[in-house]
Amino acid sequence: MKEKEQYYTTEPVQEGHMNFAYFEQLCDVKNKQGKIVGYAFAELLPGVLNKRLATKSDSGEKPFPLKICSSG
């Protein structure tokens, strides 16, 4: 049986999608040689554990502006 590689990189397939409460993006998973070996779905939920980023009704504070950039 072939030994599993330990290091991979992710590269966005397309620009991510920012919604009011979350960010999501489809990515290729590549090995060290740059070959696509799988896919990953990245999702960020910035307001889940951070009250500064929660909606005003949740924490009573004004929502904190968030800028998300992707490389690639």
PDB file of N, CA and C in Angstrom:
ATOM      1  N   MET A   1       0.841  -1.188   0.000  1.00  0.00           N
ATOM      2  CA  MET A   1       0.000   0.000   0.000  1.00  0.00           C
ATOM      3  C   MET A   1       0.883   1.247   0.000  1.00  0.00           C
ATOM      4  N   LYS A   2       0.544   2.204  -0.833  1.00  0.00           N
ATOM      5  CA  LYS A   2       1.311   3.442  -0.942  1.00  0.00           C
ATOM      6  C   LYS A   2       1.127   4.292   0.314  1.00  0.00           C
ATOM      7  N   GLU A   3       2.244   4.851   0.808  1.00  0.00           N
ATOM      8  CA  GLU A   3       2.175   5.701   2.000  1.00  0.00           C
ATOM      9  C   GLU A   3       1.507   7.032   1.662  1.00  0.00           C
ATOM     10  N   LYS A   4       0.656   7.487   2.550  1.00  0.00           N
ATOM     11  CA  LYS A   4      -0.074   8.743   2.349  1.00  0.00           C
ATOM     12  C   LYS A   4       0.861   9.940   2.528  1.00  0.00           C
ATOM     13  N   GLU A   5       0.728  10.920   1.645  1.00  0.00           N
ATOM     14  CA  GLU A   5       1.518  12.146   1.766  1.00  0.00           C
ATOM     15  C   GLU A   5       1.066  12.924   2.997  1.00  0.00           C
ATOM     16  N   GLN A   6       1.966  13.756   3.525  1.00  0.00           N
ATOM     17  CA  GLN A   6       1.645  14.511   4.733  1.00  0.00           C
ATOM     18  C   GLN A   6       1.361  15.983   4.475  1.00  0.00           C
ATOM     19  N   TYR A   7       1.845  16.541   3.372  1.00  0.00           N
ATOM     20  CA  TYR A   7       1.690  17.971   3.130  1.00  0.00           C
ATOM     21  C   TYR A   7       0.925  18.233   1.844  1.00  0.00           C
ATOM     22  N   TYR A   8      -0.055  19.100   1.946  1.00  0.00           N
ATOM     23  CA  TYR A   8      -0.886  19.471   0.811  1.00  0.00           C
ATOM     24  C   TYR A   8      -1.090  20.987   0.830  1.00  0.00           C
ATOM     25  N   THR A   9      -1.468  21.534  -0.302  1.00  0.00           N
ATOM     26  CA  THR A   9      -1.844  22.945  -0.368  1.00  0.00           C
ATOM     27  C   THR A   9      -3.256  23.034  -0.934  1.00  0.00           C
ATOM     28  N   THR A  10      -3.936  24.110  -0.603  1.00  0.00           N
ATOM     29  CA  THR A  10      -5.262  24.347  -1.177  1.00  0.00           C
ATOM     30  C   THR A  10      -5.174  25.573  -2.065  1.00  0.00           C
ATOM     31  N   GLU A  11      -5.896  25.525  -3.164  1.00  0.00           N
ATOM     32  CA  GLU A  11      -5.916  26.637  -4.116  1.00  0.00           C
ATOM     33  C   GLU A  11      -7.360  26.882  -4.528  1.00  0.00           C
ATOM     34  N   PRO A  12      -7.840  28.114  -4.438  1.00  0.00           N
ATOM     35  CA  PRO A  12      -9.234  28.399  -4.792  1.00  0.00           C
ATOM     36  C   PRO A  12      -9.553  28.020  -6.240  1.00  0.00           C
ATOM     37  N   VAL A  13     -10.693  27.395  -6.442  1.00  0.00           N
ATOM     38  CA  VAL A  13     -11.171  27.064  -7.783  1.00  0.00           C
ATOM     39  C   VAL A  13     -11.816  28.302  -8.396  1.00  0.00           C
ATOM     40  N   GLN A  14     -12.514  29.067  -7.566  1.00  0.00           N
ATOM     41  CA  GLN A  14     -13.160  30.301  -8.003  1.00  0.00           C
ATOM     42  C   GLN A  14     -13.182  31.265  -6.832  1.00  0.00           C
ATOM     43  N   GLU A  15     -13.569  32.501  -7.085  1.00  0.00           N
ATOM     44  CA  GLU A  15     -13.665  33.489  -6.010  1.00  0.00           C
ATOM     45  C   GLU A  15     -14.631  32.996  -4.938  1.00  0.00           C
ATOM     46  N   GLY A  16     -14.336  33.310  -3.698  1.00  0.00           N
ATOM     47  CA  GLY A  16     -15.203  32.910  -2.604  1.00  0.00           C
ATOM     48  C   GLY A  16     -16.506  33.690  -2.600  1.00  0.00           C
ATOM     49  N   HIS A  17     -17.437  33.207  -1.819  1.00  0.00           N
ATOM     50  CA  HIS A  17     -18.761  33.814  -1.720  1.00  0.00           C
ATOM     51  C   HIS A  17     -18.940  34.341  -0.301  1.00  0.00           C
ATOM     52  N   MET A  18     -19.135  35.645  -0.159  1.00  0.00           N
ATOM     53  CA  MET A  18     -19.334  36.255   1.153  1.00  0.00           C
ATOM     54  C   MET A  18     -20.805  36.551   1.332  1.00  0.00           C
ATOM     55  N   ASN A  19     -21.360  36.045   2.396  1.00  0.00           N
ATOM     56  CA  ASN A  19     -22.740  36.308   2.751  1.00  0.00           C
ATOM     57  C   ASN A  19     -22.714  37.123   4.045  1.00  0.00           C
ATOM     58  N   PHE A  20     -23.859  37.517   4.548  1.00  0.00           N
ATOM     59  CA  PHE A  20     -23.930  38.332   5.766  1.00  0.00           C
ATOM     60  C   PHE A  20     -23.225  37.664   6.945  1.00  0.00           C
ATOM     61  N   ALA A  21     -23.401  36.365   7.109  1.00  0.00           N
ATOM     62  CA  ALA A  21     -22.893  35.701   8.305  1.00  0.00           C
ATOM     63  C   ALA A  21     -21.779  34.687   8.043  1.00  0.00           C
ATOM     64  N   TYR A  22     -21.410  34.446   6.793  1.00  0.00           N
ATOM     65  CA  TYR A  22     -20.388  33.435   6.538  1.00  0.00           C
ATOM     66  C   TYR A  22     -19.667  33.680   5.212  1.00  0.00           C
ATOM     67  N   PHE A  23     -18.567  32.964   5.026  1.00  0.00           N
ATOM     68  CA  PHE A  23     -17.782  32.995   3.793  1.00  0.00           C
ATOM     69  C   PHE A  23     -17.536  31.550   3.391  1.00  0.00           C
ATOM     70  N   GLU A  24     -17.694  31.228   2.112  1.00  0.00           N
ATOM     71  CA  GLU A  24     -17.418  29.867   1.667  1.00  0.00           C
ATOM     72  C   GLU A  24     -16.694  29.882   0.325  1.00  0.00           C
ATOM     73  N   GLN A  25     -15.876  28.848   0.104  1.00  0.00           N
ATOM     74  CA  GLN A  25     -15.062  28.799  -1.105  1.00  0.00           C
ATOM     75  C   GLN A  25     -14.690  27.352  -1.427  1.00  0.00           C
ATOM     76  N   LEU A  26     -14.780  26.991  -2.713  1.00  0.00           N
ATOM     77  CA  LEU A  26     -14.366  25.672  -3.186  1.00  0.00           C
ATOM     78  C   LEU A  26     -12.891  25.740  -3.561  1.00  0.00           C
ATOM     79  N   CYS A  27     -12.102  24.756  -3.101  1.00  0.00           N
ATOM     80  CA  CYS A  27     -10.661  24.749  -3.353  1.00  0.00           C
ATOM     81  C   CYS A  27     -10.196  23.397  -3.879  1.00  0.00           C
ATOM     82  N   ASP A  28      -9.134  23.425  -4.703  1.00  0.00           N
ATOM     83  CA  ASP A  28      -8.437  22.201  -5.101  1.00  0.00           C
ATOM     84  C   ASP A  28      -7.451  21.860  -3.990  1.00  0.00           C
ATOM     85  N   VAL A  29      -7.253  20.577  -3.725  1.00  0.00           N
ATOM     86  CA  VAL A  29      -6.212  20.121  -2.807  1.00  0.00           C
ATOM     87  C   VAL A  29      -5.100  19.547  -3.680  1.00  0.00           C
ATOM     88  N   LYS A  30      -3.880  20.096  -3.532  1.00  0.00           N
ATOM     89  CA  LYS A  30      -2.757  19.677  -4.377  1.00  0.00           C
ATOM     90  C   LYS A  30      -1.628  19.099  -3.530  1.00  0.00           C
ATOM     91  N   ASN A  31      -0.938  18.093  -4.096  1.00  0.00           N
ATOM     92  CA  ASN A  31       0.222  17.534  -3.415  1.00  0.00           C
ATOM     93  C   ASN A  31       1.452  18.389  -3.721  1.00  0.00           C
ATOM     94  N   LYS A  32       2.641  17.965  -3.247  1.00  0.00           N
ATOM     95  CA  LYS A  32       3.863  18.758  -3.450  1.00  0.00           C
ATOM     96  C   LYS A  32       4.211  18.938  -4.921  1.00  0.00           C
ATOM     97  N   GLN A  33       3.811  17.997  -5.761  1.00  0.00           N
ATOM     98  CA  GLN A  33       4.107  18.080  -7.188  1.00  0.00           C
ATOM     99  C   GLN A  33       3.119  18.972  -7.937  1.00  0.00           C
ATOM    100  N   GLY A  34       2.096  19.469  -7.258  1.00  0.00           N
ATOM    101  CA  GLY A  34       1.106  20.339  -7.880  1.00  0.00           C
ATOM    102  C   GLY A  34      -0.053  19.594  -8.527  1.00  0.00           C
ATOM    103  N   LYS A  35      -0.121  18.275  -8.334  1.00  0.00           N
ATOM    104  CA  LYS A  35      -1.205  17.468  -8.893  1.00  0.00           C
ATOM    105  C   LYS A  35      -2.443  17.577  -7.995  1.00  0.00           C
ATOM    106  N   ILE A  36      -3.613  17.775  -8.609  1.00  0.00           N
ATOM    107  CA  ILE A  36      -4.861  17.838  -7.839  1.00  0.00           C
ATOM    108  C   ILE A  36      -5.197  16.434  -7.340  1.00  0.00           C
ATOM    109  N   VAL A  37      -5.283  16.291  -6.027  1.00  0.00           N
ATOM    110  CA  VAL A  37      -5.566  14.986  -5.424  1.00  0.00           C
ATOM    111  C   VAL A  37      -6.911  14.973  -4.697  1.00  0.00           C
ATOM    112  N   GLY A  38      -7.606  16.096  -4.698  1.00  0.00           N
ATOM    113  CA  GLY A  38      -8.906  16.160  -4.042  1.00  0.00           C
ATOM    114  C   GLY A  38      -9.455  17.575  -4.055  1.00  0.00           C
ATOM    115  N   TYR A  39     -10.574  17.731  -3.386  1.00  0.00           N
ATOM    116  CA  TYR A  39     -11.233  19.028  -3.297  1.00  0.00           C
ATOM    117  C   TYR A  39     -11.575  19.311  -1.841  1.00  0.00           C
ATOM    118  N   ALA A  40     -11.625  20.583  -1.488  1.00  0.00           N
ATOM    119  CA  ALA A  40     -11.986  20.985  -0.127  1.00  0.00           C
ATOM    120  C   ALA A  40     -12.976  22.132  -0.208  1.00  0.00           C
ATOM    121  N   PHE A  41     -13.851  22.183   0.758  1.00  0.00           N
ATOM    122  CA  PHE A  41     -14.821  23.263   0.849  1.00  0.00           C
ATOM    123  C   PHE A  41     -14.489  24.046   2.108  1.00  0.00           C
ATOM    124  N   ALA A  42     -13.987  25.262   1.933  1.00  0.00           N
ATOM    125  CA  ALA A  42     -13.621  26.102   3.072  1.00  0.00           C
ATOM    126  C   ALA A  42     -14.813  26.956   3.472  1.00  0.00           C
ATOM    127  N   GLU A  43     -15.091  26.986   4.766  1.00  0.00           N
ATOM    128  CA  GLU A  43     -16.199  27.798   5.263  1.00  0.00           C
ATOM    129  C   GLU A  43     -15.759  28.495   6.540  1.00  0.00           C
ATOM    130  N   LEU A  44     -15.977  29.791   6.607  1.00  0.00           N
ATOM    131  CA  LEU A  44     -15.659  30.578   7.794  1.00  0.00           C
ATOM    132  C   LEU A  44     -16.943  31.134   8.373  1.00  0.00           C
ATOM    133  N   LEU A  45     -17.096  30.983   9.664  1.00  0.00           N
ATOM    134  CA  LEU A  45     -18.265  31.516  10.365  1.00  0.00           C
ATOM    135  C   LEU A  45     -17.760  32.515  11.402  1.00  0.00           C
ATOM    136  N   PRO A  46     -17.447  33.744  10.990  1.00  0.00           N
ATOM    137  CA  PRO A  46     -16.776  34.697  11.874  1.00  0.00           C
ATOM    138  C   PRO A  46     -17.550  35.103  13.119  1.00  0.00           C
ATOM    139  N   GLY A  47     -18.851  35.011  13.126  1.00  0.00           N
ATOM    140  CA  GLY A  47     -19.617  35.460  14.281  1.00  0.00           C
ATOM    141  C   GLY A  47     -19.903  34.392  15.309  1.00  0.00           C
ATOM    142  N   VAL A  48     -19.490  33.154  15.066  1.00  0.00           N
ATOM    143  CA  VAL A  48     -19.841  32.057  15.963  1.00  0.00           C
ATOM    144  C   VAL A  48     -19.219  32.211  17.340  1.00  0.00           C
ATOM    145  N   LEU A  49     -17.916  32.471  17.412  1.00  0.00           N
ATOM    146  CA  LEU A  49     -17.244  32.553  18.705  1.00  0.00           C
ATOM    147  C   LEU A  49     -16.781  33.958  19.071  1.00  0.00           C
ATOM    148  N   ASN A  50     -17.000  34.932  18.221  1.00  0.00           N
ATOM    149  CA  ASN A  50     -16.513  36.281  18.456  1.00  0.00           C
ATOM    150  C   ASN A  50     -17.695  37.245  18.523  1.00  0.00           C
ATOM    151  N   LYS A  51     -18.000  37.735  19.709  1.00  0.00           N
ATOM    152  CA  LYS A  51     -19.163  38.615  19.858  1.00  0.00           C
ATOM    153  C   LYS A  51     -19.006  39.928  19.103  1.00  0.00           C
ATOM    154  N   ARG A  52     -17.751  40.371  18.864  1.00  0.00           N
ATOM    155  CA  ARG A  52     -17.554  41.595  18.083  1.00  0.00           C
ATOM    156  C   ARG A  52     -18.045  41.426  16.652  1.00  0.00           C
ATOM    157  N   LEU A  53     -18.036  40.198  16.126  1.00  0.00           N
ATOM    158  CA  LEU A  53     -18.444  39.951  14.751  1.00  0.00           C
ATOM    159  C   LEU A  53     -19.876  39.440  14.651  1.00  0.00           C
ATOM    160  N   ALA A  54     -20.540  39.265  15.771  1.00  0.00           N
ATOM    161  CA  ALA A  54     -21.917  38.771  15.762  1.00  0.00           C
ATOM    162  C   ALA A  54     -22.862  39.877  15.297  1.00  0.00           C
ATOM    163  N   THR A  55     -24.089  39.506  15.008  1.00  0.00           N
ATOM    164  CA  THR A  55     -25.071  40.504  14.604  1.00  0.00           C
ATOM    165  C   THR A  55     -25.432  41.375  15.794  1.00  0.00           C
ATOM    166  N   LYS A  56     -25.932  42.554  15.542  1.00  0.00           N
ATOM    167  CA  LYS A  56     -26.263  43.491  16.617  1.00  0.00           C
ATOM    168  C   LYS A  56     -27.272  42.889  17.585  1.00  0.00           C
ATOM    169  N   SER A  57     -28.230  42.140  17.075  1.00  0.00           N
ATOM    170  CA  SER A  57     -29.243  41.557  17.951  1.00  0.00           C
ATOM    171  C   SER A  57     -28.648  40.499  18.873  1.00  0.00           C
ATOM    172  N   ASP A  58     -27.541  39.849  18.463  1.00  0.00           N
ATOM    173  CA  ASP A  58     -26.929  38.811  19.288  1.00  0.00           C
ATOM    174  C   ASP A  58     -26.102  39.383  20.434  1.00  0.00           C
ATOM    175  N   SER A  59     -25.310  40.426  20.167  1.00  0.00           N
ATOM    176  CA  SER A  59     -24.390  40.914  21.187  1.00  0.00           C
ATOM    177  C   SER A  59     -24.700  42.328  21.675  1.00  0.00           C
ATOM    178  N   GLY A  60     -25.598  43.026  20.984  1.00  0.00           N
ATOM    179  CA  GLY A  60     -25.923  44.382  21.385  1.00  0.00           C
ATOM    180  C   GLY A  60     -24.930  45.411  20.876  1.00  0.00           C
ATOM    181  N   GLU A  61     -23.925  44.966  20.123  1.00  0.00           N
ATOM    182  CA  GLU A  61     -22.921  45.869  19.578  1.00  0.00           C
ATOM    183  C   GLU A  61     -23.057  45.955  18.068  1.00  0.00           C
ATOM    184  N   LYS A  62     -22.494  47.027  17.522  1.00  0.00           N
ATOM    185  CA  LYS A  62     -22.471  47.173  16.069  1.00  0.00           C
ATOM    186  C   LYS A  62     -21.547  46.098  15.477  1.00  0.00           C
ATOM    187  N   PRO A  63     -21.936  45.441  14.369  1.00  0.00           N
ATOM    188  CA  PRO A  63     -21.065  44.424  13.765  1.00  0.00           C
ATOM    189  C   PRO A  63     -19.727  45.009  13.332  1.00  0.00           C
ATOM    190  N   PHE A  64     -18.670  44.229  13.487  1.00  0.00           N
ATOM    191  CA  PHE A  64     -17.319  44.622  13.130  1.00  0.00           C
ATOM    192  C   PHE A  64     -17.098  44.347  11.642  1.00  0.00           C
ATOM    193  N   PRO A  65     -16.578  45.323  10.857  1.00  0.00           N
ATOM    194  CA  PRO A  65     -16.358  45.084   9.426  1.00  0.00           C
ATOM    195  C   PRO A  65     -15.284  44.020   9.210  1.00  0.00           C
ATOM    196  N   LEU A  66     -15.494  43.153   8.236  1.00  0.00           N
ATOM    197  CA  LEU A  66     -14.584  42.049   7.979  1.00  0.00           C
ATOM    198  C   LEU A  66     -14.236  42.014   6.500  1.00  0.00           C
ATOM    199  N   LYS A  67     -12.952  42.003   6.182  1.00  0.00           N
ATOM    200  CA  LYS A  67     -12.508  41.916   4.791  1.00  0.00           C
ATOM    201  C   LYS A  67     -11.789  40.587   4.613  1.00  0.00           C
ATOM    202  N   ILE A  68     -12.221  39.801   3.621  1.00  0.00           N
ATOM    203  CA  ILE A  68     -11.612  38.501   3.368  1.00  0.00           C
ATOM    204  C   ILE A  68     -10.966  38.536   1.995  1.00  0.00           C
ATOM    205  N   CYS A  69      -9.698  38.174   1.937  1.00  0.00           N
ATOM    206  CA  CYS A  69      -8.958  38.153   0.674  1.00  0.00           C
ATOM    207  C   CYS A  69      -8.521  36.725   0.384  1.00  0.00           C
ATOM    208  N   SER A  70      -8.457  36.370  -0.889  1.00  0.00           N
ATOM    209  CA  SER A  70      -7.954  35.050  -1.257  1.00  0.00           C
ATOM    210  C   SER A  70      -6.766  35.220  -2.181  1.00  0.00           C
ATOM    211  N   SER A  71      -5.822  34.308  -2.081  1.00  0.00           N
ATOM    212  CA  SER A  71      -4.663  34.353  -2.967  1.00  0.00           C
ATOM    213  C   SER A  71      -4.861  33.341  -4.077  1.00  0.00           C
ATOM    214  N   GLY A  72      -4.256  33.618  -5.193  1.00  0.00           N
ATOM    215  CA  GLY A  72      -4.330  32.635  -6.270  1.00  0.00           C
ATOM    216  C   GLY A  72      -4.876  33.170  -7.534  1.00  0.00           C
TER     217      GLY A  72
END
